[in-house]
Structures are given as C-alpha cells and as structure tokens.
Protein backbone atom coordinates (compact mmCIF):
# COMPACT_ATOMS: atom_id res chain seq x y z
CA MET A 1 -5.82 -5.74 -7.27
CA THR A 2 -9.07 -6.23 -9.09
CA ALA A 3 -12.26 -5.39 -7.24
CA ASP A 4 -15.82 -6.18 -8.27
CA ARG A 5 -17.58 -2.88 -8.89
CA GLY A 6 -21.06 -4.35 -8.85
CA GLY A 7 -23.59 -1.73 -9.87
CA ASP A 8 -21.78 1.17 -8.18
CA PRO A 9 -20.16 3.49 -10.75
CA HIS A 10 -18.04 5.17 -8.06
CA VAL A 11 -14.46 4.22 -7.24
CA ARG A 12 -14.32 4.79 -3.47
CA HIS A 13 -13.64 1.11 -2.86
CA LEU A 14 -10.48 1.37 -5.00
CA LEU A 15 -9.02 4.55 -3.52
CA GLY A 16 -6.79 2.93 -0.91
CA ALA A 17 -5.15 0.75 -3.53
CA TYR A 18 -4.99 3.68 -5.96
CA VAL A 19 -3.17 5.90 -3.45
CA LEU A 20 -0.73 3.09 -2.66
CA ASP A 21 -0.17 2.39 -6.38
CA ALA A 22 -1.45 -1.15 -5.89
CA LEU A 23 -4.05 -1.29 -8.66
CA GLU A 24 -3.70 -3.29 -11.83
CA ALA A 25 -2.50 -1.09 -14.70
CA GLU A 26 -5.85 -1.29 -16.50
CA GLU A 27 -7.68 0.04 -13.42
CA CYS A 28 -5.59 3.19 -12.89
CA GLY A 29 -6.85 5.07 -15.94
CA PRO A 30 -10.55 4.63 -15.22
CA VAL A 31 -10.05 5.58 -11.56
CA ALA A 32 -8.10 8.71 -12.51
CA GLY A 33 -10.73 9.65 -15.08
CA HIS A 34 -13.55 9.15 -12.59
CA LEU A 35 -11.78 11.29 -9.99
CA GLN A 36 -11.63 14.16 -12.48
CA GLN A 37 -15.40 14.08 -12.94
CA CYS A 38 -16.84 13.04 -9.56
CA GLU A 39 -16.54 15.54 -6.72
CA ALA A 40 -17.61 13.01 -4.08
CA CYS A 41 -14.95 10.47 -5.03
CA ALA A 42 -12.33 13.21 -5.44
CA ALA A 43 -13.05 14.40 -1.89
CA ALA A 44 -12.78 10.82 -0.61
CA TYR A 45 -9.47 10.48 -2.48
CA VAL A 46 -8.06 13.51 -0.65
CA GLU A 47 -9.06 12.01 2.70
CA VAL A 48 -7.45 8.65 1.87
CA ALA A 49 -4.28 10.31 0.54
CA ASP A 50 -4.04 12.45 3.70
CA ALA A 51 -4.42 9.40 5.92
CA VAL A 52 -1.70 7.52 4.04
CA SER A 53 0.60 10.54 4.34
CA LEU A 54 0.02 10.70 8.09
CA LEU A 55 0.70 6.99 8.50
CA ALA A 56 4.08 7.48 6.88
CA LEU A 57 5.03 9.77 9.77
CA LEU A 58 4.56 7.03 12.37
CA ASN A 59 7.30 4.74 13.57
CA VAL A 60 7.10 1.39 15.34
CA ASP A 61 7.21 2.97 18.81
CA ASP A 62 4.19 5.15 17.93
CA LEU A 63 2.22 2.07 16.98
CA LEU A 64 3.09 0.23 20.20
CA GLU A 65 1.83 3.00 22.49
C-alpha cells in the first residue's frame, strides 16, 4: 500500500496499514523511525492499535446487532 505523503511529514495516514502489516516493505522502516521521534504520531499509533485489538474481539453476531 503506497500512499502519497504530499507535504505532510507525519505518518498518521499510514498507521492503519502499518498496524495491520499491510504496508509495502520499503514503507515500514520510515514509519517505524518516525514513530520513535514523533510523539503525536506515536500517540495516534497507540489509538489505532487499540482499536484494531478491540475489533478482533468482535464476532459476526456482535456486528449484526
């Protein structure tokens, strides 16, 4: 999954794919490096990772309610 970064140096737009291990190999390193240095993106990463973890707890019946 390659996304156009435009002029934004942050990686928030890639976090969903990063958490799901759906990024291209060449994108993972820069995202990981950015997360180590940017508190705002690191906080957003935690929120996305938490949401993905919670989704894993749902089953089909939960989604149909």
